[in-house]
C-alpha cells in the first residue's frame, strides 16, 4: 500500500521510466562489424553490438531524446532524470540534437562525471559554415564536453552533395571536425530523399548511418534497398 506522501515520487519514477522507453530507439549495426558479438550483454541485460566500422560496442537500445526535448512540458531537469534512468537501466547510447529543443541541455545536466559512461551522439543541421560552427560550439557547451562520440550531418535528405562536399561545404567541414578531435566518428542522418545518401557514404568518410526503418517508410522511401546496401559496403554502422 503506497501512502499519499509516497505517491508523487512513485508517479514520477513511473513517468521517467515510461518516458525513457518512449524516447528510445533501436540502434542496429550494419555490415560485418555490426552483426558480430551480438551475444554480449550490458548491465540490465541489454545486448551489445559493434557499431560498424567504429568498432565500439554499444547497447542495441539507444535513448533518443527527441520526444522529451520537443515536449514543452518536460524541462531540462526532467530530461536529465530520464537520461540518468536510462543509464541506471544499463543503456549506454544516448542520441540528441540541437533540433530537439531542450534535449541537449538536459543531457548535459545528467552527464557531468558520467560522460565517460555513455556513447554520446549529437547532430549539426546547417546550410553554411557559420551556422555549422555556431551549432557545434553551442552543442558542446550544453553537453558539457569537448568531444562527442558521434556527430551526425542532420537531415542529409535536404542537402545537395555537390554543395555540401565542396571546399567550403558543411560536410567537408564536419570531416575536418573529426580530424580536429571534436568528434570520434562522423555520421549522416535523415528520413527522406534516399537518393541523396549514397554519395555521402561513397566518400568513405561516414562511420554511421541513422535513418527510419519501418513498414510505412519501407513502402514510401525504401532505404532498405536504396541505401542500406551502400552502408553495408562501407561497413557503416
C-alpha atoms as a PDB file:
ATOM      1  CA  UNK A   1       0.000   0.000   0.000  1.00  0.00           C
ATOM      2  CA  UNK A   2       1.510   3.356  -1.060  1.00  0.00           C
ATOM      3  CA  UNK A   3       0.840   6.296   1.234  1.00  0.00           C
ATOM      4  CA  UNK A   4      -0.294   9.691  -0.048  1.00  0.00           C
ATOM      5  CA  UNK A   5       3.150  11.028   0.829  1.00  0.00           C
ATOM      6  CA  UNK A   6       4.876   8.407  -1.321  1.00  0.00           C
ATOM      7  CA  UNK A   7       2.533   8.550  -4.311  1.00  0.00           C
ATOM      8  CA  UNK A   8       4.074  11.580  -6.142  1.00  0.00           C
ATOM      9  CA  UNK A   9       7.539  10.021  -6.054  1.00  0.00           C
ATOM     10  CA  UNK A  10       6.186   6.758  -7.380  1.00  0.00           C
ATOM     11  CA  UNK A  11       4.303   8.520 -10.162  1.00  0.00           C
ATOM     12  CA  UNK A  12       7.425  10.454 -11.093  1.00  0.00           C
ATOM     13  CA  UNK A  13       9.514   7.298 -11.289  1.00  0.00           C
ATOM     14  CA  UNK A  14       6.856   5.643 -13.453  1.00  0.00           C
ATOM     15  CA  UNK A  15       6.773   8.734 -15.684  1.00  0.00           C
ATOM     16  CA  UNK A  16      10.533   8.776 -16.067  1.00  0.00           C
ATOM     17  CA  UNK A  17      10.775   5.117 -16.947  1.00  0.00           C
ATOM     18  CA  UNK A  18       7.921   5.284 -19.438  1.00  0.00           C
ATOM     19  CA  UNK A  19       9.317   8.468 -20.979  1.00  0.00           C
ATOM     20  CA  UNK A  20      12.740   6.886 -21.250  1.00  0.00           C
ATOM     21  CA  UNK A  21      11.368   3.894 -23.091  1.00  0.00           C
ATOM     22  CA  UNK A  22       9.173   6.045 -25.316  1.00  0.00           C
ATOM     23  CA  UNK A  23      12.156   8.192 -26.227  1.00  0.00           C
ATOM     24  CA  UNK A  24      14.399   5.284 -27.112  1.00  0.00           C
ATOM     25  CA  UNK A  25      15.019   3.533 -30.421  1.00  0.00           C
ATOM     26  CA  UNK A  26      16.880   0.521 -31.693  1.00  0.00           C
ATOM     27  CA  UNK A  27      20.449   1.056 -32.879  1.00  0.00           C
ATOM     28  CA  UNK A  28      21.466  -1.704 -35.270  1.00  0.00           C
ATOM     29  CA  UNK A  29      24.949  -2.133 -36.706  1.00  0.00           C
ATOM     30  CA  UNK A  30      25.371  -2.645 -40.449  1.00  0.00           C
ATOM     31  CA  UNK A  31      27.976  -4.715 -42.218  1.00  0.00           C
ATOM     32  CA  UNK A  32      30.254  -7.406 -40.854  1.00  0.00           C
ATOM     33  CA  UNK A  33      31.291  -5.444 -37.781  1.00  0.00           C
ATOM     34  CA  UNK A  34      27.704  -4.563 -36.939  1.00  0.00           C
ATOM     35  CA  UNK A  35      26.489  -8.157 -36.696  1.00  0.00           C
ATOM     36  CA  UNK A  36      29.366  -9.514 -34.628  1.00  0.00           C
ATOM     37  CA  UNK A  37      29.302 -10.349 -30.927  1.00  0.00           C
ATOM     38  CA  UNK A  38      25.577  -9.712 -30.522  1.00  0.00           C
ATOM     39  CA  UNK A  39      25.523 -12.110 -27.573  1.00  0.00           C
ATOM     40  CA  UNK A  40      27.460  -9.770 -25.299  1.00  0.00           C
ATOM     41  CA  UNK A  41      25.181  -8.096 -22.790  1.00  0.00           C
ATOM     42  CA  UNK A  42      25.388  -4.882 -20.820  1.00  0.00           C
ATOM     43  CA  UNK A  43      24.134  -4.106 -17.327  1.00  0.00           C
ATOM     44  CA  UNK A  44      20.397  -4.667 -17.190  1.00  0.00           C
ATOM     45  CA  UNK A  45      20.525  -7.451 -19.769  1.00  0.00           C
ATOM     46  CA  UNK A  46      20.714  -5.214 -22.858  1.00  0.00           C
ATOM     47  CA  UNK A  47      22.544  -6.898 -25.752  1.00  0.00           C
ATOM     48  CA  UNK A  48      25.570  -5.081 -27.126  1.00  0.00           C
ATOM     49  CA  UNK A  49      26.655  -4.867 -30.732  1.00  0.00           C
ATOM     50  CA  UNK A  50      29.669  -3.460 -32.540  1.00  0.00           C
ATOM     51  CA  UNK A  51      28.533  -0.308 -34.333  1.00  0.00           C
ATOM     52  CA  UNK A  52      30.003  -0.982 -37.759  1.00  0.00           C
ATOM     53  CA  UNK A  53      33.422   0.475 -38.503  1.00  0.00           C
ATOM     54  CA  UNK A  54      33.544   2.390 -35.197  1.00  0.00           C
ATOM     55  CA  UNK A  55      34.453  -0.927 -33.522  1.00  0.00           C
ATOM     56  CA  UNK A  56      32.657   0.355 -30.423  1.00  0.00           C
ATOM     57  CA  UNK A  57      30.264  -1.981 -28.624  1.00  0.00           C
ATOM     58  CA  UNK A  58      27.095  -0.168 -27.606  1.00  0.00           C
ATOM     59  CA  UNK A  59      23.731  -1.289 -26.290  1.00  0.00           C
ATOM     60  CA  UNK A  60      21.343  -2.057 -29.140  1.00  0.00           C
ATOM     61  CA  UNK A  61      18.794   0.190 -27.434  1.00  0.00           C
ATOM     62  CA  UNK A  62      19.600   3.893 -27.764  1.00  0.00           C
ATOM     63  CA  UNK A  63      17.901   6.601 -25.717  1.00  0.00           C
ATOM     64  CA  UNK A  64      16.619   9.063 -28.309  1.00  0.00           C
ATOM     65  CA  UNK A  65      15.880  12.464 -26.768  1.00  0.00           C
ATOM     66  CA  UNK A  66      13.653  13.990 -29.456  1.00  0.00           C
ATOM     67  CA  UNK A  67      10.320  13.181 -27.729  1.00  0.00           C
ATOM     68  CA  UNK A  68      11.276  14.626 -24.359  1.00  0.00           C
ATOM     69  CA  UNK A  69      13.290  17.505 -25.836  1.00  0.00           C
ATOM     70  CA  UNK A  70      10.460  18.655 -28.068  1.00  0.00           C
ATOM     71  CA  UNK A  71       7.816  18.453 -25.348  1.00  0.00           C
ATOM     72  CA  UNK A  72       7.461  21.922 -23.724  1.00  0.00           C
ATOM     73  CA  UNK A  73       6.137  20.333 -20.519  1.00  0.00           C
ATOM     74  CA  UNK A  74       9.330  18.333 -19.949  1.00  0.00           C
ATOM     75  CA  UNK A  75      12.044  20.678 -18.663  1.00  0.00           C
ATOM     76  CA  UNK A  76      15.820  20.042 -18.762  1.00  0.00           C
ATOM     77  CA  UNK A  77      15.995  18.714 -15.158  1.00  0.00           C
ATOM     78  CA  UNK A  78      13.363  16.106 -16.031  1.00  0.00           C
ATOM     79  CA  UNK A  79      15.225  15.209 -19.223  1.00  0.00           C
ATOM     80  CA  UNK A  80      18.324  14.744 -17.074  1.00  0.00           C
ATOM     81  CA  UNK A  81      16.345  12.384 -14.860  1.00  0.00           C
ATOM     82  CA  UNK A  82      15.261  10.371 -17.912  1.00  0.00           C
ATOM     83  CA  UNK A  83      18.892  10.108 -19.036  1.00  0.00           C
ATOM     84  CA  UNK A  84      20.020   9.008 -15.578  1.00  0.00           C
ATOM     85  CA  UNK A  85      17.235   6.433 -15.525  1.00  0.00           C
ATOM     86  CA  UNK A  86      18.444   5.035 -18.848  1.00  0.00           C
ATOM     87  CA  UNK A  87      21.988   4.801 -17.504  1.00  0.00           C
ATOM     88  CA  UNK A  88      20.765   3.040 -14.371  1.00  0.00           C
ATOM     89  CA  UNK A  89      18.938   0.532 -16.586  1.00  0.00           C
ATOM     90  CA  UNK A  90      22.179  -0.154 -18.462  1.00  0.00           C
ATOM     91  CA  UNK A  91      21.551   1.796 -21.698  1.00  0.00           C
ATOM     92  CA  UNK A  92      24.830   3.489 -22.622  1.00  0.00           C
ATOM     93  CA  UNK A  93      23.969   5.002 -26.019  1.00  0.00           C
ATOM     94  CA  UNK A  94      22.422   8.496 -25.933  1.00  0.00           C
ATOM     95  CA  UNK A  95      21.266  10.404 -29.030  1.00  0.00           C
ATOM     96  CA  UNK A  96      20.372  14.102 -29.102  1.00  0.00           C
ATOM     97  CA  UNK A  97      20.440  17.151 -31.395  1.00  0.00           C
ATOM     98  CA  UNK A  98      20.075  20.956 -31.342  1.00  0.00           C
ATOM     99  CA  UNK A  99      16.807  20.494 -33.249  1.00  0.00           C
ATOM    100  CA  UNK A 100      15.396  18.683 -30.218  1.00  0.00           C
ATOM    101  CA  UNK A 101      14.990  21.988 -28.366  1.00  0.00           C
ATOM    102  CA  UNK A 102      15.804  21.434 -24.654  1.00  0.00           C
ATOM    103  CA  UNK A 103      17.288  17.964 -25.120  1.00  0.00           C
ATOM    104  CA  UNK A 104      20.994  18.845 -25.201  1.00  0.00           C
ATOM    105  CA  UNK A 105      20.703  20.979 -22.070  1.00  0.00           C
ATOM    106  CA  UNK A 106      19.006  18.137 -20.219  1.00  0.00           C
ATOM    107  CA  UNK A 107      21.548  15.568 -21.393  1.00  0.00           C
ATOM    108  CA  UNK A 108      24.369  17.881 -20.330  1.00  0.00           C
ATOM    109  CA  UNK A 109      22.861  18.237 -16.856  1.00  0.00           C
ATOM    110  CA  UNK A 110      22.751  14.463 -16.497  1.00  0.00           C
ATOM    111  CA  UNK A 111      26.203  13.532 -17.687  1.00  0.00           C
ATOM    112  CA  UNK A 112      28.718  15.533 -15.672  1.00  0.00           C
ATOM    113  CA  UNK A 113      31.101  12.954 -14.245  1.00  0.00           C
ATOM    114  CA  UNK A 114      29.166  10.234 -16.056  1.00  0.00           C
ATOM    115  CA  UNK A 115      30.267  11.420 -19.501  1.00  0.00           C
ATOM    116  CA  UNK A 116      32.668   8.501 -19.941  1.00  0.00           C
ATOM    117  CA  UNK A 117      29.851   6.038 -19.283  1.00  0.00           C
ATOM    118  CA  UNK A 118      27.996   6.837 -22.495  1.00  0.00           C
ATOM    119  CA  UNK A 119      28.360   6.765 -26.256  1.00  0.00           C
ATOM    120  CA  UNK A 120      27.107  10.284 -26.946  1.00  0.00           C
ATOM    121  CA  UNK A 121      25.755  11.424 -30.309  1.00  0.00           C
ATOM    122  CA  UNK A 122      24.515  14.810 -31.442  1.00  0.00           C
ATOM    123  CA  UNK A 123      23.947  16.486 -34.789  1.00  0.00           C
ATOM    124  CA  UNK A 124      24.604  19.541 -36.938  1.00  0.00           C
ATOM    125  CA  UNK A 125      21.791  20.956 -39.068  1.00  0.00           C
ATOM    126  CA  UNK A 126      23.265  23.831 -41.084  1.00  0.00           C
ATOM    127  CA  UNK A 127      23.257  25.404 -44.539  1.00  0.00           C
ATOM    128  CA  UNK A 128      26.660  27.099 -44.262  1.00  0.00           C
ATOM    129  CA  UNK A 129      29.856  27.077 -42.227  1.00  0.00           C
ATOM    130  CA  UNK A 130      28.802  29.866 -39.886  1.00  0.00           C
ATOM    131  CA  UNK A 131      25.645  28.010 -38.887  1.00  0.00           C
ATOM    132  CA  UNK A 132      27.612  24.779 -38.527  1.00  0.00           C
ATOM    133  CA  UNK A 133      30.267  26.327 -36.288  1.00  0.00           C
ATOM    134  CA  UNK A 134      27.674  28.016 -34.100  1.00  0.00           C
ATOM    135  CA  UNK A 135      25.696  24.796 -33.838  1.00  0.00           C
ATOM    136  CA  UNK A 136      28.609  22.608 -32.747  1.00  0.00           C
ATOM    137  CA  UNK A 137      30.010  25.213 -30.348  1.00  0.00           C
ATOM    138  CA  UNK A 138      26.636  25.519 -28.631  1.00  0.00           C
ATOM    139  CA  UNK A 139      26.148  21.748 -28.516  1.00  0.00           C
ATOM    140  CA  UNK A 140      29.488  21.107 -26.837  1.00  0.00           C
ATOM    141  CA  UNK A 141      28.757  23.844 -24.306  1.00  0.00           C
ATOM    142  CA  UNK A 142      25.296  22.497 -23.448  1.00  0.00           C
ATOM    143  CA  UNK A 143      26.517  18.906 -23.323  1.00  0.00           C
ATOM    144  CA  UNK A 144      29.427  19.975 -21.102  1.00  0.00           C
ATOM    145  CA  UNK A 145      32.030  18.131 -23.120  1.00  0.00           C
ATOM    146  CA  UNK A 146      34.810  18.990 -25.548  1.00  0.00           C
ATOM    147  CA  UNK A 147      34.164  15.964 -27.766  1.00  0.00           C
ATOM    148  CA  UNK A 148      31.152  13.850 -28.706  1.00  0.00           C
ATOM    149  CA  UNK A 149      31.484  10.248 -29.752  1.00  0.00           C
ATOM    150  CA  UNK A 150      29.344  10.602 -32.860  1.00  0.00           C
ATOM    151  CA  UNK A 151      28.467  13.737 -34.831  1.00  0.00           C
ATOM    152  CA  UNK A 152      25.766  13.459 -37.495  1.00  0.00           C
ATOM    153  CA  UNK A 153      25.174  15.659 -40.502  1.00  0.00           C
ATOM    154  CA  UNK A 154      21.480  16.114 -39.725  1.00  0.00           C
ATOM    155  CA  UNK A 155      18.805  15.645 -42.395  1.00  0.00           C
ATOM    156  CA  UNK A 156      21.019  14.825 -45.355  1.00  0.00           C
ATOM    157  CA  UNK A 157      17.899  14.383 -47.461  1.00  0.00           C
ATOM    158  CA  UNK A 158      17.679  18.170 -47.557  1.00  0.00           C
ATOM    159  CA  UNK A 159      21.285  18.631 -48.702  1.00  0.00           C
ATOM    160  CA  UNK A 160      22.910  18.663 -52.121  1.00  0.00           C
ATOM    161  CA  UNK A 161      26.061  16.517 -52.141  1.00  0.00           C
ATOM    162  CA  UNK A 162      27.950  18.778 -54.541  1.00  0.00           C
ATOM    163  CA  UNK A 163      27.401  21.821 -52.332  1.00  0.00           C
ATOM    164  CA  UNK A 164      27.976  20.025 -49.026  1.00  0.00           C
ATOM    165  CA  UNK A 165      31.197  18.366 -50.206  1.00  0.00           C
ATOM    166  CA  UNK A 166      32.730  21.492 -51.729  1.00  0.00           C
ATOM    167  CA  UNK A 167      35.798  23.056 -50.118  1.00  0.00           C
ATOM    168  CA  UNK A 168      33.555  25.394 -48.128  1.00  0.00           C
ATOM    169  CA  UNK A 169      30.736  22.863 -47.684  1.00  0.00           C
ATOM    170  CA  UNK A 170      29.298  21.678 -44.377  1.00  0.00           C
ATOM    171  CA  UNK A 171      30.158  18.015 -44.945  1.00  0.00           C
ATOM    172  CA  UNK A 172      33.777  18.900 -45.710  1.00  0.00           C
ATOM    173  CA  UNK A 173      33.824  20.977 -42.530  1.00  0.00           C
ATOM    174  CA  UNK A 174      32.410  18.076 -40.498  1.00  0.00           C
ATOM    175  CA  UNK A 175      35.166  15.774 -41.755  1.00  0.00           C
ATOM    176  CA  UNK A 176      37.671  18.357 -40.505  1.00  0.00           C
ATOM    177  CA  UNK A 177      35.984  18.442 -37.086  1.00  0.00           C
ATOM    178  CA  UNK A 178      36.580  14.724 -36.724  1.00  0.00           C
ATOM    179  CA  UNK A 179      40.248  15.183 -37.558  1.00  0.00           C
ATOM    180  CA  UNK A 180      40.391  18.067 -35.069  1.00  0.00           C
ATOM    181  CA  UNK A 181      39.069  15.828 -32.287  1.00  0.00           C
ATOM    182  CA  UNK A 182      35.633  17.419 -31.857  1.00  0.00           C
ATOM    183  CA  UNK A 183      34.061  14.005 -32.522  1.00  0.00           C
ATOM    184  CA  UNK A 184      35.337  10.456 -32.677  1.00  0.00           C
ATOM    185  CA  UNK A 185      33.065   9.375 -35.506  1.00  0.00           C
ATOM    186  CA  UNK A 186      31.046  11.008 -38.271  1.00  0.00           C
ATOM    187  CA  UNK A 187      27.527  10.074 -39.323  1.00  0.00           C
ATOM    188  CA  UNK A 188      24.705  11.142 -41.616  1.00  0.00           C
ATOM    189  CA  UNK A 189      21.016  11.083 -40.731  1.00  0.00           C
ATOM    190  CA  UNK A 190      17.700  11.639 -42.450  1.00  0.00           C
ATOM    191  CA  UNK A 191      14.182  10.365 -43.029  1.00  0.00           C
ATOM    192  CA  UNK A 192      13.547  11.133 -46.716  1.00  0.00           C
ATOM    193  CA  UNK A 193      15.147  11.586 -50.168  1.00  0.00           C
ATOM    194  CA  UNK A 194      17.163   8.312 -50.071  1.00  0.00           C
ATOM    195  CA  UNK A 195      18.866   9.120 -53.367  1.00  0.00           C
ATOM    196  CA  UNK A 196      20.945  11.795 -51.667  1.00  0.00           C
ATOM    197  CA  UNK A 197      22.547   9.414 -49.172  1.00  0.00           C
ATOM    198  CA  UNK A 198      24.749   7.086 -51.287  1.00  0.00           C
ATOM    199  CA  UNK A 199      27.173   9.823 -52.491  1.00  0.00           C
ATOM    200  CA  UNK A 200      27.985  10.724 -48.877  1.00  0.00           C
ATOM    201  CA  UNK A 201      28.510   7.069 -47.960  1.00  0.00           C
ATOM    202  CA  UNK A 202      30.705   6.511 -51.024  1.00  0.00           C
ATOM    203  CA  UNK A 203      33.206   9.127 -49.783  1.00  0.00           C
ATOM    204  CA  UNK A 204      34.348   6.594 -47.198  1.00  0.00           C
ATOM    205  CA  UNK A 205      34.151   9.273 -44.506  1.00  0.00           C
ATOM    206  CA  UNK A 206      30.820   8.187 -42.987  1.00  0.00           C
ATOM    207  CA  UNK A 207      31.047   5.878 -39.980  1.00  0.00           C
ATOM    208  CA  UNK A 208      27.348   5.639 -39.071  1.00  0.00           C
ATOM    209  CA  UNK A 209      24.006   5.933 -40.880  1.00  0.00           C
ATOM    210  CA  UNK A 210      20.852   6.902 -38.973  1.00  0.00           C
ATOM    211  CA  UNK A 211      17.521   6.539 -40.738  1.00  0.00           C
ATOM    212  CA  UNK A 212      13.996   5.226 -40.227  1.00  0.00           C
ATOM    213  CA  UNK A 213      13.188   1.580 -40.838  1.00  0.00           C
ATOM    214  CA  UNK A 214       9.537   0.585 -40.530  1.00  0.00           C
ATOM    215  CA  UNK A 215       6.671  -0.737 -42.650  1.00  0.00           C
ATOM    216  CA  UNK A 216       5.390   2.662 -43.798  1.00  0.00           C
ATOM    217  CA  UNK A 217       8.797   4.151 -44.685  1.00  0.00           C
ATOM    218  CA  UNK A 218       9.791   0.920 -46.409  1.00  0.00           C
ATOM    219  CA  UNK A 219       6.924   1.458 -48.835  1.00  0.00           C
ATOM    220  CA  UNK A 220       7.467   5.217 -49.108  1.00  0.00           C
ATOM    221  CA  UNK A 221      11.239   5.660 -49.361  1.00  0.00           C
ATOM    222  CA  UNK A 222      12.716   2.130 -49.234  1.00  0.00           C
ATOM    223  CA  UNK A 223      16.050   2.949 -47.579  1.00  0.00           C
ATOM    224  CA  UNK A 224      16.358  -0.819 -47.119  1.00  0.00           C
ATOM    225  CA  UNK A 225      17.143  -1.387 -50.797  1.00  0.00           C
ATOM    226  CA  UNK A 226      18.370   2.056 -51.901  1.00  0.00           C
ATOM    227  CA  UNK A 227      20.746   2.998 -49.069  1.00  0.00           C
ATOM    228  CA  UNK A 228      21.477   0.168 -46.621  1.00  0.00           C
ATOM    229  CA  UNK A 229      23.455  -1.895 -49.174  1.00  0.00           C
ATOM    230  CA  UNK A 230      25.797   1.065 -49.680  1.00  0.00           C
ATOM    231  CA  UNK A 231      26.210   1.439 -45.905  1.00  0.00           C
ATOM    232  CA  UNK A 232      26.985  -2.276 -45.648  1.00  0.00           C
ATOM    233  CA  UNK A 233      29.503  -1.987 -48.464  1.00  0.00           C
ATOM    234  CA  UNK A 234      31.475   0.511 -46.356  1.00  0.00           C
ATOM    235  CA  UNK A 235      30.707  -1.241 -43.042  1.00  0.00           C
ATOM    236  CA  UNK A 236      28.959   1.894 -41.758  1.00  0.00           C
ATOM    237  CA  UNK A 237      27.083   1.250 -38.533  1.00  0.00           C
END
